[in-house]
Amino acid sequence: MIIGERLKEERERIGLSQTALAQIGGVGKTTQIKYEKGTSSPDSSYLSAVADEGVDIFYVLKGQRSGTPAAQPLGVALNEPLAGFSPVKMYDIEAAAGAGRSFEGEPVKTTLYFSTVELSKQGLDPAQVVGIKVRGDSMDGTLADGDWVLVNRGNRDPKQEGVFLLLVSGERRIKRVQRLAGGALYLISDNELYQPEMIKPQDMGDLEILGRCEIRIGRVV
């Protein structure tokens, strides 16, 4: 079943005519007909609007119902961009050895395309998201060696706590971060075999928060 056929199925499921759904999506009926025939592809503004009306956009785009384990915003490899999907560059944390926030110039392992609507539902701006391949076992229990994790570079506030991508003395690490009284930071490995590390305020020059880890993509074991 193609995207257009699934869009028609969703429209009929929620009981709307082509004219009604077209109006909701901000397009004309002729455009709606083209979408359903597969001769034209809906853009992100249309998809966002009809999603608010109850259309299961993830099902329309990927054939998987939202709310199922497989329907998290998993990326797909595409030969060319597709309307409604945003590119996310995926980096191997071991290969990414440069300093600073910018990943420009770092070797890109691959580029995956994620549903723009699904990323937005997670509060993520696609332009601020990068994918990082986890290395090592220090975060076992949360992130395993070989997992991919989507990092939101737009969120570098340790006050929220959580798991962050850090630059520590020039080395990129993924650690759970807690803010302590007096401004110190506690870097925690979820694997109990690794001892926590405290970064005192006077040592903050050696640490940079690159972004908050938001979505794990890994094998179910």
N, C-alpha and C. Protein backbone atom coordinates (compact mmCIF):
# COMPACT_ATOMS: atom_id res chain seq x y z
N MET A 1 0.85 -1.19 0.00
CA MET A 1 0.00 0.00 0.00
C MET A 1 0.88 1.24 0.00
N ILE A 2 0.61 2.20 -0.89
CA ILE A 2 1.41 3.41 -0.98
C ILE A 2 0.87 4.48 -0.04
N ILE A 3 1.64 5.55 0.10
CA ILE A 3 1.26 6.63 1.02
C ILE A 3 -0.14 7.15 0.72
N GLY A 4 -0.43 7.38 -0.55
CA GLY A 4 -1.74 7.92 -0.92
C GLY A 4 -2.88 7.02 -0.50
N GLU A 5 -2.70 5.73 -0.66
CA GLU A 5 -3.76 4.77 -0.27
C GLU A 5 -3.96 4.78 1.24
N ARG A 6 -2.85 4.89 1.99
CA ARG A 6 -2.99 4.93 3.46
C ARG A 6 -3.62 6.25 3.91
N LEU A 7 -3.32 7.34 3.20
CA LEU A 7 -3.94 8.62 3.52
C LEU A 7 -5.45 8.54 3.31
N LYS A 8 -5.86 7.92 2.20
CA LYS A 8 -7.30 7.75 1.94
C LYS A 8 -7.93 6.89 3.03
N GLU A 9 -7.24 5.82 3.40
CA GLU A 9 -7.75 4.94 4.45
C GLU A 9 -7.95 5.69 5.75
N GLU A 10 -6.98 6.55 6.12
CA GLU A 10 -7.09 7.34 7.35
C GLU A 10 -8.22 8.36 7.25
N ARG A 11 -8.37 8.98 6.09
CA ARG A 11 -9.45 9.95 5.91
C ARG A 11 -10.81 9.27 6.11
N GLU A 12 -10.96 8.10 5.53
CA GLU A 12 -12.23 7.38 5.67
C GLU A 12 -12.43 6.88 7.09
N ARG A 13 -11.31 6.53 7.75
CA ARG A 13 -11.41 6.03 9.13
C ARG A 13 -11.99 7.09 10.05
N ILE A 14 -11.57 8.35 9.86
CA ILE A 14 -12.06 9.42 10.75
C ILE A 14 -13.32 10.08 10.20
N GLY A 15 -13.81 9.57 9.04
CA GLY A 15 -15.11 10.00 8.54
C GLY A 15 -15.14 11.35 7.87
N LEU A 16 -14.09 11.70 7.15
CA LEU A 16 -14.04 13.00 6.47
C LEU A 16 -14.06 12.82 4.95
N SER A 17 -14.68 13.76 4.27
CA SER A 17 -14.66 13.78 2.81
C SER A 17 -13.32 14.33 2.33
N GLN A 18 -13.04 14.16 1.04
CA GLN A 18 -11.82 14.73 0.48
C GLN A 18 -11.81 16.24 0.63
N THR A 19 -12.95 16.86 0.42
CA THR A 19 -13.04 18.32 0.54
C THR A 19 -12.74 18.77 1.97
N ALA A 20 -13.30 18.05 2.95
CA ALA A 20 -13.12 18.43 4.35
C ALA A 20 -11.66 18.29 4.78
N LEU A 21 -11.02 17.17 4.42
CA LEU A 21 -9.63 16.98 4.83
C LEU A 21 -8.72 17.94 4.09
N ALA A 22 -9.05 18.25 2.84
CA ALA A 22 -8.26 19.22 2.09
C ALA A 22 -8.29 20.58 2.77
N GLN A 23 -9.46 20.99 3.23
CA GLN A 23 -9.58 22.27 3.92
C GLN A 23 -8.77 22.28 5.21
N ILE A 24 -8.82 21.19 5.94
CA ILE A 24 -8.04 21.10 7.17
C ILE A 24 -6.55 21.21 6.88
N GLY A 25 -6.12 20.56 5.79
CA GLY A 25 -4.70 20.57 5.43
C GLY A 25 -4.26 21.82 4.70
N GLY A 26 -5.20 22.72 4.40
CA GLY A 26 -4.84 23.98 3.74
C GLY A 26 -4.58 23.83 2.25
N VAL A 27 -5.21 22.83 1.62
CA VAL A 27 -5.04 22.63 0.18
C VAL A 27 -6.41 22.51 -0.47
N GLY A 28 -6.43 22.48 -1.80
CA GLY A 28 -7.68 22.31 -2.52
C GLY A 28 -8.04 20.84 -2.68
N LYS A 29 -9.27 20.58 -3.06
CA LYS A 29 -9.73 19.20 -3.23
C LYS A 29 -8.92 18.48 -4.31
N THR A 30 -8.56 19.21 -5.38
CA THR A 30 -7.78 18.60 -6.45
C THR A 30 -6.44 18.10 -5.93
N THR A 31 -5.82 18.90 -5.06
CA THR A 31 -4.54 18.50 -4.47
C THR A 31 -4.72 17.28 -3.59
N GLN A 32 -5.82 17.24 -2.82
CA GLN A 32 -6.11 16.08 -1.97
C GLN A 32 -6.25 14.82 -2.82
N ILE A 33 -6.92 14.94 -3.95
CA ILE A 33 -7.11 13.79 -4.84
C ILE A 33 -5.75 13.31 -5.35
N LYS A 34 -4.87 14.25 -5.69
CA LYS A 34 -3.53 13.89 -6.16
C LYS A 34 -2.74 13.17 -5.07
N TYR A 35 -2.88 13.65 -3.83
CA TYR A 35 -2.21 12.99 -2.71
C TYR A 35 -2.66 11.54 -2.60
N GLU A 36 -3.97 11.32 -2.69
CA GLU A 36 -4.51 9.98 -2.49
C GLU A 36 -4.21 9.07 -3.68
N LYS A 37 -4.04 9.65 -4.86
CA LYS A 37 -3.68 8.84 -6.03
C LYS A 37 -2.18 8.56 -6.09
N GLY A 38 -1.42 9.30 -5.29
CA GLY A 38 0.02 9.10 -5.28
C GLY A 38 0.76 9.85 -6.37
N THR A 39 0.08 10.79 -7.03
CA THR A 39 0.74 11.58 -8.07
C THR A 39 1.41 12.84 -7.51
N SER A 40 1.17 13.11 -6.24
CA SER A 40 1.80 14.25 -5.57
C SER A 40 1.98 13.87 -4.10
N SER A 41 3.00 14.45 -3.45
CA SER A 41 3.30 14.12 -2.05
C SER A 41 2.95 15.28 -1.14
N PRO A 42 2.30 15.01 -0.01
CA PRO A 42 1.97 16.08 0.94
C PRO A 42 3.22 16.62 1.62
N ASP A 43 3.18 17.94 1.92
CA ASP A 43 4.31 18.53 2.62
C ASP A 43 4.08 18.50 4.13
N SER A 44 5.08 18.98 4.88
CA SER A 44 5.03 18.87 6.34
C SER A 44 3.91 19.70 6.95
N SER A 45 3.58 20.87 6.36
CA SER A 45 2.53 21.70 6.93
C SER A 45 1.17 21.01 6.81
N TYR A 46 0.95 20.35 5.68
CA TYR A 46 -0.30 19.59 5.49
C TYR A 46 -0.36 18.44 6.50
N LEU A 47 0.74 17.68 6.60
CA LEU A 47 0.77 16.54 7.50
C LEU A 47 0.54 16.94 8.95
N SER A 48 1.15 18.06 9.34
CA SER A 48 0.97 18.54 10.71
C SER A 48 -0.48 18.91 10.98
N ALA A 49 -1.11 19.56 10.00
CA ALA A 49 -2.49 20.01 10.18
C ALA A 49 -3.46 18.84 10.28
N VAL A 50 -3.29 17.84 9.40
CA VAL A 50 -4.23 16.72 9.43
C VAL A 50 -3.96 15.80 10.63
N ALA A 51 -2.72 15.81 11.11
CA ALA A 51 -2.41 15.04 12.31
C ALA A 51 -3.21 15.56 13.50
N ASP A 52 -3.36 16.89 13.57
CA ASP A 52 -4.13 17.49 14.66
C ASP A 52 -5.60 17.08 14.60
N GLU A 53 -6.06 16.65 13.41
CA GLU A 53 -7.45 16.24 13.24
C GLU A 53 -7.64 14.75 13.53
N GLY A 54 -6.53 14.04 13.77
CA GLY A 54 -6.64 12.63 14.13
C GLY A 54 -6.06 11.66 13.12
N VAL A 55 -5.51 12.18 12.01
CA VAL A 55 -4.89 11.29 11.03
C VAL A 55 -3.59 10.74 11.62
N ASP A 56 -3.42 9.43 11.53
CA ASP A 56 -2.21 8.79 12.04
C ASP A 56 -1.12 8.95 10.98
N ILE A 57 -0.31 10.01 11.13
CA ILE A 57 0.68 10.35 10.12
C ILE A 57 1.77 9.31 10.03
N PHE A 58 2.15 8.72 11.15
CA PHE A 58 3.20 7.72 11.11
C PHE A 58 2.74 6.51 10.29
N TYR A 59 1.46 6.17 10.41
CA TYR A 59 0.92 5.07 9.60
C TYR A 59 0.90 5.46 8.13
N VAL A 60 0.49 6.68 7.85
CA VAL A 60 0.44 7.15 6.45
C VAL A 60 1.81 7.06 5.80
N LEU A 61 2.85 7.49 6.52
CA LEU A 61 4.18 7.57 5.93
C LEU A 61 4.92 6.23 5.93
N LYS A 62 4.71 5.43 6.99
CA LYS A 62 5.52 4.22 7.12
C LYS A 62 4.72 2.92 7.22
N GLY A 63 3.40 3.03 7.31
CA GLY A 63 2.60 1.81 7.36
C GLY A 63 2.57 1.16 8.72
N GLN A 64 2.96 1.88 9.77
CA GLN A 64 2.96 1.35 11.14
C GLN A 64 2.11 2.26 12.01
N ARG A 65 1.26 1.65 12.81
CA ARG A 65 0.36 2.42 13.65
C ARG A 65 1.11 3.06 14.82
N SER A 66 0.82 4.32 15.11
CA SER A 66 1.39 4.98 16.29
C SER A 66 0.94 4.25 17.53
N GLY A 67 1.86 4.19 18.53
CA GLY A 67 1.54 3.52 19.77
C GLY A 67 2.03 2.08 19.80
N THR A 68 2.48 1.55 18.65
CA THR A 68 3.06 0.22 18.63
C THR A 68 4.55 0.34 18.84
N PRO A 69 5.24 -0.70 19.36
CA PRO A 69 6.67 -0.60 19.61
C PRO A 69 7.47 -0.16 18.41
N ALA A 70 7.03 -0.57 17.19
CA ALA A 70 7.79 -0.23 16.00
C ALA A 70 7.52 1.19 15.52
N ALA A 71 6.55 1.87 16.13
CA ALA A 71 6.14 3.16 15.61
C ALA A 71 6.79 4.33 16.32
N GLN A 72 7.89 4.11 17.01
CA GLN A 72 8.67 5.23 17.50
C GLN A 72 9.30 5.91 16.28
N PRO A 73 9.80 7.14 16.40
CA PRO A 73 10.29 7.83 15.21
C PRO A 73 11.61 7.26 14.70
N LEU A 74 11.58 6.00 14.24
CA LEU A 74 12.78 5.39 13.70
C LEU A 74 13.11 6.00 12.36
N GLY A 75 14.40 6.12 12.09
CA GLY A 75 14.83 6.70 10.83
C GLY A 75 14.86 5.68 9.72
N VAL A 76 14.73 6.18 8.51
CA VAL A 76 14.82 5.33 7.34
C VAL A 76 15.86 5.91 6.40
N ALA A 77 16.52 5.04 5.66
CA ALA A 77 17.49 5.48 4.66
C ALA A 77 16.75 5.73 3.36
N LEU A 78 16.93 6.90 2.77
CA LEU A 78 16.26 7.26 1.53
C LEU A 78 17.29 7.69 0.50
N ASN A 79 17.02 7.38 -0.76
CA ASN A 79 17.91 7.83 -1.82
C ASN A 79 17.74 9.31 -2.09
N GLU A 80 16.57 9.83 -1.78
CA GLU A 80 16.31 11.26 -1.96
C GLU A 80 15.30 11.70 -0.90
N PRO A 81 15.29 12.98 -0.55
CA PRO A 81 14.38 13.46 0.49
C PRO A 81 12.92 13.19 0.14
N LEU A 82 12.11 12.95 1.16
CA LEU A 82 10.69 12.71 1.01
C LEU A 82 9.94 13.72 1.86
N ALA A 83 8.87 14.26 1.30
CA ALA A 83 8.07 15.24 2.04
C ALA A 83 7.63 14.64 3.37
N GLY A 84 7.77 15.43 4.43
CA GLY A 84 7.36 14.96 5.75
C GLY A 84 8.47 14.31 6.55
N PHE A 85 9.65 14.15 5.94
CA PHE A 85 10.79 13.56 6.63
C PHE A 85 11.94 14.56 6.68
N SER A 86 12.69 14.53 7.78
CA SER A 86 13.83 15.43 7.97
C SER A 86 15.12 14.63 8.09
N PRO A 87 16.20 15.11 7.46
CA PRO A 87 17.47 14.38 7.54
C PRO A 87 18.15 14.59 8.88
N VAL A 88 18.71 13.53 9.43
CA VAL A 88 19.51 13.59 10.66
C VAL A 88 20.84 12.89 10.39
N LYS A 89 21.93 13.60 10.57
CA LYS A 89 23.24 13.01 10.37
C LYS A 89 23.61 12.15 11.57
N MET A 90 24.14 10.98 11.29
CA MET A 90 24.47 10.02 12.33
C MET A 90 25.99 9.89 12.40
N TYR A 91 26.53 10.06 13.62
CA TYR A 91 27.98 10.04 13.84
C TYR A 91 28.37 8.91 14.77
N ASP A 92 29.54 8.35 14.52
CA ASP A 92 30.12 7.39 15.45
C ASP A 92 30.90 8.17 16.50
N ILE A 93 30.56 8.01 17.77
CA ILE A 93 31.16 8.82 18.82
C ILE A 93 32.67 8.61 18.89
N GLU A 94 33.17 7.42 18.48
CA GLU A 94 34.61 7.19 18.49
C GLU A 94 35.30 7.92 17.35
N ALA A 95 34.61 7.99 16.21
CA ALA A 95 35.21 8.65 15.06
C ALA A 95 35.15 10.18 15.19
N ALA A 96 34.13 10.67 15.93
CA ALA A 96 33.97 12.11 16.10
C ALA A 96 34.96 12.61 17.15
N ALA A 97 36.08 13.09 16.71
CA ALA A 97 37.17 13.42 17.64
C ALA A 97 37.46 14.91 17.73
N GLY A 98 36.73 15.73 16.99
CA GLY A 98 37.01 17.17 17.01
C GLY A 98 36.52 17.82 18.28
N ALA A 99 37.00 19.03 18.54
CA ALA A 99 36.61 19.75 19.74
C ALA A 99 35.45 20.70 19.44
N GLY A 100 34.70 21.03 20.46
CA GLY A 100 33.65 22.02 20.34
C GLY A 100 32.29 21.43 20.02
N ARG A 101 31.27 22.30 19.99
CA ARG A 101 29.90 21.86 19.75
C ARG A 101 29.68 21.39 18.33
N SER A 102 30.33 22.05 17.38
CA SER A 102 30.06 21.80 15.98
C SER A 102 30.52 20.41 15.56
N PHE A 103 29.68 19.76 14.75
CA PHE A 103 30.06 18.48 14.17
C PHE A 103 30.50 18.64 12.72
N GLU A 104 30.58 19.90 12.26
CA GLU A 104 30.99 20.14 10.89
C GLU A 104 32.40 19.59 10.67
N GLY A 105 32.56 18.86 9.59
CA GLY A 105 33.86 18.29 9.28
C GLY A 105 34.08 16.91 9.86
N GLU A 106 33.19 16.48 10.77
CA GLU A 106 33.31 15.14 11.34
C GLU A 106 32.80 14.11 10.32
N PRO A 107 33.35 12.91 10.33
CA PRO A 107 32.87 11.88 9.40
C PRO A 107 31.45 11.44 9.74
N VAL A 108 30.57 11.48 8.76
CA VAL A 108 29.18 11.08 8.94
C VAL A 108 29.04 9.59 8.60
N LYS A 109 28.54 8.82 9.57
CA LYS A 109 28.39 7.38 9.35
C LYS A 109 27.30 7.12 8.31
N THR A 110 26.18 7.79 8.48
CA THR A 110 25.08 7.69 7.53
C THR A 110 24.12 8.83 7.81
N THR A 111 23.17 9.04 6.94
CA THR A 111 22.10 10.01 7.16
C THR A 111 20.78 9.27 7.12
N LEU A 112 20.00 9.43 8.18
CA LEU A 112 18.68 8.82 8.24
C LEU A 112 17.62 9.91 8.18
N TYR A 113 16.46 9.55 7.67
CA TYR A 113 15.35 10.50 7.59
C TYR A 113 14.28 10.09 8.59
N PHE A 114 13.87 11.07 9.41
CA PHE A 114 12.89 10.83 10.46
C PHE A 114 11.63 11.64 10.17
N SER A 115 10.50 11.07 10.55
CA SER A 115 9.24 11.78 10.40
C SER A 115 9.30 13.12 11.13
N THR A 116 9.13 14.21 10.39
CA THR A 116 9.17 15.54 10.98
C THR A 116 8.08 15.70 12.04
N VAL A 117 6.91 15.16 11.75
CA VAL A 117 5.79 15.26 12.69
C VAL A 117 6.10 14.53 13.98
N GLU A 118 6.67 13.31 13.86
CA GLU A 118 6.97 12.53 15.06
C GLU A 118 8.07 13.19 15.89
N LEU A 119 9.07 13.77 15.23
CA LEU A 119 10.10 14.48 15.98
C LEU A 119 9.49 15.68 16.72
N SER A 120 8.59 16.38 16.04
CA SER A 120 7.94 17.54 16.67
C SER A 120 7.13 17.12 17.88
N LYS A 121 6.49 15.95 17.80
CA LYS A 121 5.71 15.45 18.94
C LYS A 121 6.61 15.20 20.15
N GLN A 122 7.87 14.89 19.88
CA GLN A 122 8.85 14.68 20.96
C GLN A 122 9.48 15.99 21.41
N GLY A 123 9.03 17.12 20.84
CA GLY A 123 9.59 18.42 21.20
C GLY A 123 10.95 18.68 20.59
N LEU A 124 11.26 18.02 19.46
CA LEU A 124 12.58 18.14 18.85
C LEU A 124 12.52 18.94 17.56
N ASP A 125 13.46 19.86 17.41
CA ASP A 125 13.65 20.60 16.17
C ASP A 125 14.64 19.81 15.32
N PRO A 126 14.22 19.29 14.17
CA PRO A 126 15.12 18.46 13.37
C PRO A 126 16.47 19.12 13.07
N ALA A 127 16.48 20.45 12.95
CA ALA A 127 17.72 21.15 12.65
C ALA A 127 18.72 21.07 13.80
N GLN A 128 18.24 20.75 15.01
CA GLN A 128 19.09 20.69 16.19
C GLN A 128 19.42 19.26 16.61
N VAL A 129 19.02 18.28 15.80
CA VAL A 129 19.19 16.88 16.18
C VAL A 129 20.33 16.23 15.41
N VAL A 130 21.18 15.50 16.12
CA VAL A 130 22.18 14.64 15.50
C VAL A 130 22.05 13.25 16.12
N GLY A 131 22.50 12.25 15.39
CA GLY A 131 22.51 10.89 15.91
C GLY A 131 23.93 10.51 16.31
N ILE A 132 24.07 9.84 17.43
CA ILE A 132 25.38 9.42 17.93
C ILE A 132 25.36 7.92 18.21
N LYS A 133 26.38 7.21 17.75
CA LYS A 133 26.51 5.79 18.05
C LYS A 133 27.24 5.62 19.37
N VAL A 134 26.60 4.91 20.29
CA VAL A 134 27.14 4.71 21.63
C VAL A 134 28.27 3.69 21.59
N ARG A 135 29.35 4.01 22.31
CA ARG A 135 30.48 3.08 22.42
C ARG A 135 30.76 2.79 23.89
N GLY A 136 31.05 1.54 24.20
CA GLY A 136 31.40 1.17 25.57
C GLY A 136 30.19 0.75 26.38
N ASP A 137 30.44 0.33 27.62
CA ASP A 137 29.38 -0.21 28.48
C ASP A 137 29.10 0.65 29.70
N SER A 138 29.60 1.88 29.72
CA SER A 138 29.45 2.70 30.92
C SER A 138 28.00 3.09 31.20
N MET A 139 27.16 3.07 30.14
CA MET A 139 25.76 3.45 30.34
C MET A 139 24.83 2.24 30.23
N ASP A 140 25.39 1.03 30.41
CA ASP A 140 24.57 -0.18 30.37
C ASP A 140 23.39 -0.07 31.32
N GLY A 141 22.24 -0.52 30.84
CA GLY A 141 21.00 -0.37 31.59
C GLY A 141 20.16 0.73 31.00
N THR A 142 20.82 1.69 30.34
CA THR A 142 20.13 2.77 29.65
C THR A 142 20.49 2.77 28.17
N LEU A 143 21.79 2.74 27.89
CA LEU A 143 22.31 2.72 26.52
C LEU A 143 23.38 1.65 26.43
N ALA A 144 23.26 0.80 25.42
CA ALA A 144 24.22 -0.29 25.24
C ALA A 144 25.19 0.05 24.12
N ASP A 145 26.34 -0.60 24.15
CA ASP A 145 27.32 -0.44 23.10
C ASP A 145 26.70 -0.78 21.75
N GLY A 146 26.81 0.14 20.81
CA GLY A 146 26.24 -0.08 19.48
C GLY A 146 24.88 0.55 19.28
N ASP A 147 24.23 1.01 20.36
CA ASP A 147 22.97 1.73 20.21
C ASP A 147 23.20 3.07 19.50
N TRP A 148 22.15 3.56 18.89
CA TRP A 148 22.16 4.94 18.39
C TRP A 148 21.25 5.76 19.30
N VAL A 149 21.60 7.00 19.51
CA VAL A 149 20.78 7.89 20.32
C VAL A 149 20.68 9.24 19.62
N LEU A 150 19.47 9.80 19.61
CA LEU A 150 19.26 11.12 19.03
C LEU A 150 19.54 12.17 20.10
N VAL A 151 20.40 13.12 19.77
CA VAL A 151 20.83 14.16 20.70
C VAL A 151 20.26 15.50 20.28
N ASN A 152 19.61 16.16 21.20
CA ASN A 152 19.04 17.48 20.96
C ASN A 152 20.07 18.54 21.34
N ARG A 153 20.73 19.13 20.33
CA ARG A 153 21.75 20.15 20.59
C ARG A 153 21.14 21.46 21.08
N GLY A 154 19.83 21.58 20.95
CA GLY A 154 19.16 22.78 21.42
C GLY A 154 18.90 22.78 22.92
N ASN A 155 19.19 21.67 23.59
CA ASN A 155 18.98 21.57 25.04
C ASN A 155 20.29 21.20 25.71
N ARG A 156 20.93 22.19 26.32
CA ARG A 156 22.21 21.95 27.00
C ARG A 156 22.14 22.42 28.45
N ASP A 157 20.94 22.40 29.01
CA ASP A 157 20.72 22.92 30.36
C ASP A 157 20.78 21.77 31.37
N PRO A 158 21.83 21.68 32.18
CA PRO A 158 21.95 20.57 33.15
C PRO A 158 20.95 20.66 34.30
N LYS A 159 20.25 21.80 34.44
CA LYS A 159 19.27 21.92 35.51
C LYS A 159 18.14 20.90 35.33
N GLN A 160 17.88 20.51 34.09
CA GLN A 160 16.82 19.53 33.83
C GLN A 160 17.24 18.13 34.23
N GLU A 161 18.53 17.93 34.35
CA GLU A 161 19.11 16.61 34.60
C GLU A 161 18.75 15.67 33.45
N GLY A 162 19.29 14.47 33.47
CA GLY A 162 19.08 13.55 32.37
C GLY A 162 20.41 13.09 31.82
N VAL A 163 20.37 12.45 30.64
CA VAL A 163 21.56 11.93 29.99
C VAL A 163 21.99 12.92 28.90
N PHE A 164 23.27 13.29 28.92
CA PHE A 164 23.77 14.31 28.00
C PHE A 164 24.99 13.80 27.24
N LEU A 165 25.18 14.37 26.06
CA LEU A 165 26.44 14.21 25.33
C LEU A 165 27.36 15.34 25.79
N LEU A 166 28.54 14.97 26.26
CA LEU A 166 29.47 15.93 26.84
C LEU A 166 30.79 15.92 26.10
N LEU A 167 31.49 17.03 26.20
CA LEU A 167 32.88 17.09 25.77
C LEU A 167 33.69 17.31 27.04
N VAL A 168 34.45 16.28 27.45
CA VAL A 168 35.22 16.33 28.69
C VAL A 168 36.70 16.21 28.34
N SER A 169 37.43 17.30 28.55
CA SER A 169 38.86 17.33 28.23
C SER A 169 39.12 16.87 26.79
N GLY A 170 38.25 17.34 25.87
CA GLY A 170 38.42 17.04 24.46
C GLY A 170 37.86 15.71 24.00
N GLU A 171 37.26 14.93 24.91
CA GLU A 171 36.71 13.61 24.57
C GLU A 171 35.20 13.62 24.72
N ARG A 172 34.49 13.13 23.71
CA ARG A 172 33.05 13.08 23.79
C ARG A 172 32.61 11.86 24.61
N ARG A 173 31.71 12.12 25.57
CA ARG A 173 31.18 11.06 26.43
C ARG A 173 29.68 11.25 26.57
N ILE A 174 29.01 10.15 26.91
CA ILE A 174 27.58 10.20 27.24
C ILE A 174 27.45 9.82 28.70
N LYS A 175 26.92 10.75 29.50
CA LYS A 175 26.79 10.52 30.94
C LYS A 175 25.47 11.11 31.44
N ARG A 176 25.01 10.55 32.55
CA ARG A 176 23.88 11.16 33.26
C ARG A 176 24.43 12.32 34.08
N VAL A 177 23.76 13.46 34.03
CA VAL A 177 24.27 14.67 34.67
C VAL A 177 23.32 15.13 35.77
N GLN A 178 23.87 15.40 36.93
CA GLN A 178 23.12 16.00 38.03
C GLN A 178 23.84 17.28 38.45
N ARG A 179 23.06 18.30 38.68
CA ARG A 179 23.62 19.57 39.14
C ARG A 179 23.62 19.58 40.67
N LEU A 180 24.75 19.92 41.27
CA LEU A 180 24.88 19.94 42.72
C LEU A 180 24.88 21.37 43.24
N ALA A 181 24.65 21.49 44.53
CA ALA A 181 24.69 22.81 45.16
C ALA A 181 26.08 23.42 44.97
N GLY A 182 26.10 24.70 44.68
CA GLY A 182 27.37 25.38 44.48
C GLY A 182 27.82 25.40 43.03
N GLY A 183 27.05 24.73 42.14
CA GLY A 183 27.36 24.80 40.73
C GLY A 183 28.17 23.64 40.18
N ALA A 184 28.55 22.69 41.03
CA ALA A 184 29.28 21.52 40.55
C ALA A 184 28.34 20.58 39.80
N LEU A 185 28.91 19.75 38.93
CA LEU A 185 28.14 18.76 38.19
C LEU A 185 28.63 17.36 38.54
N TYR A 186 27.69 16.45 38.64
CA TYR A 186 27.98 15.06 38.94
C TYR A 186 27.74 14.26 37.66
N LEU A 187 28.78 13.59 37.15
CA LEU A 187 28.66 12.79 35.94
C LEU A 187 28.55 11.33 36.35
N ILE A 188 27.43 10.71 36.00
CA ILE A 188 27.11 9.38 36.49
C ILE A 188 27.05 8.38 35.33
N SER A 189 27.70 7.25 35.49
CA SER A 189 27.57 6.13 34.58
C SER A 189 26.49 5.20 35.13
N ASP A 190 25.52 4.82 34.32
CA ASP A 190 24.45 3.96 34.80
C ASP A 190 24.93 2.54 35.09
N ASN A 191 26.08 2.19 34.55
CA ASN A 191 26.72 0.92 34.90
C ASN A 191 27.43 1.11 36.24
N GLU A 192 27.00 0.36 37.25
CA GLU A 192 27.52 0.55 38.60
C GLU A 192 28.99 0.21 38.75
N LEU A 193 29.58 -0.42 37.72
CA LEU A 193 31.00 -0.73 37.78
C LEU A 193 31.86 0.53 37.62
N TYR A 194 31.26 1.62 37.17
CA TYR A 194 31.99 2.86 36.95
C TYR A 194 31.63 3.86 38.04
N GLN A 195 32.64 4.49 38.60
CA GLN A 195 32.43 5.46 39.66
C GLN A 195 31.98 6.81 39.09
N PRO A 196 31.08 7.51 39.80
CA PRO A 196 30.69 8.85 39.38
C PRO A 196 31.89 9.81 39.41
N GLU A 197 31.78 10.87 38.66
CA GLU A 197 32.84 11.87 38.59
C GLU A 197 32.25 13.25 38.88
N MET A 198 32.89 13.99 39.76
CA MET A 198 32.43 15.34 40.08
C MET A 198 33.27 16.37 39.33
N ILE A 199 32.58 17.30 38.67
CA ILE A 199 33.24 18.42 38.01
C ILE A 199 32.99 19.66 38.86
N LYS A 200 34.04 20.15 39.51
CA LYS A 200 33.91 21.32 40.37
C LYS A 200 33.78 22.59 39.52
N PRO A 201 33.18 23.64 40.11
CA PRO A 201 33.00 24.89 39.33
C PRO A 201 34.29 25.40 38.71
N GLN A 202 35.40 25.28 39.41
CA GLN A 202 36.67 25.79 38.89
C GLN A 202 37.21 24.95 37.73
N ASP A 203 36.62 23.75 37.54
CA ASP A 203 37.07 22.87 36.45
C ASP A 203 36.13 22.86 35.26
N MET A 204 35.13 23.74 35.27
CA MET A 204 34.13 23.74 34.21
C MET A 204 34.71 24.06 32.83
N GLY A 205 35.87 24.66 32.80
CA GLY A 205 36.50 24.96 31.52
C GLY A 205 36.87 23.72 30.74
N ASP A 206 36.95 22.59 31.42
CA ASP A 206 37.29 21.33 30.76
C ASP A 206 36.06 20.56 30.29
N LEU A 207 34.87 21.13 30.55
CA LEU A 207 33.64 20.42 30.21
C LEU A 207 32.72 21.30 29.37
N GLU A 208 32.10 20.70 28.37
CA GLU A 208 31.12 21.39 27.55
C GLU A 208 29.95 20.44 27.31
N ILE A 209 28.74 20.93 27.55
CA ILE A 209 27.54 20.14 27.30
C ILE A 209 27.14 20.35 25.84
N LEU A 210 27.09 19.25 25.08
CA LEU A 210 26.81 19.35 23.65
C LEU A 210 25.34 19.15 23.32
N GLY A 211 24.59 18.50 24.21
CA GLY A 211 23.18 18.28 23.95
C GLY A 211 22.62 17.18 24.83
N ARG A 212 21.30 17.15 24.90
CA ARG A 212 20.62 16.16 25.75
C ARG A 212 20.21 14.95 24.91
N CYS A 213 20.50 13.76 25.40
CA CYS A 213 20.11 12.52 24.72
C CYS A 213 18.61 12.29 24.92
N GLU A 214 17.88 12.18 23.81
CA GLU A 214 16.42 12.15 23.90
C GLU A 214 15.81 10.80 23.51
N ILE A 215 16.28 10.20 22.43
CA ILE A 215 15.64 9.00 21.92
C ILE A 215 16.68 7.93 21.64
N ARG A 216 16.49 6.76 22.22
CA ARG A 216 17.40 5.63 21.99
C ARG A 216 16.87 4.76 20.85
N ILE A 217 17.79 4.35 20.00
CA ILE A 217 17.45 3.40 18.92
C ILE A 217 18.40 2.21 19.10
N GLY A 218 17.88 1.10 19.53
CA GLY A 218 18.74 -0.04 19.78
C GLY A 218 17.99 -1.34 19.69
N ARG A 219 18.71 -2.42 19.83
CA ARG A 219 18.12 -3.75 19.77
C ARG A 219 17.41 -4.09 21.07
N VAL A 220 16.32 -4.85 20.94
CA VAL A 220 15.62 -5.36 22.12
C VAL A 220 16.27 -6.69 22.50
N VAL A 221 16.76 -6.78 23.75
CA VAL A 221 17.44 -7.99 24.18
C VAL A 221 16.71 -8.60 25.38
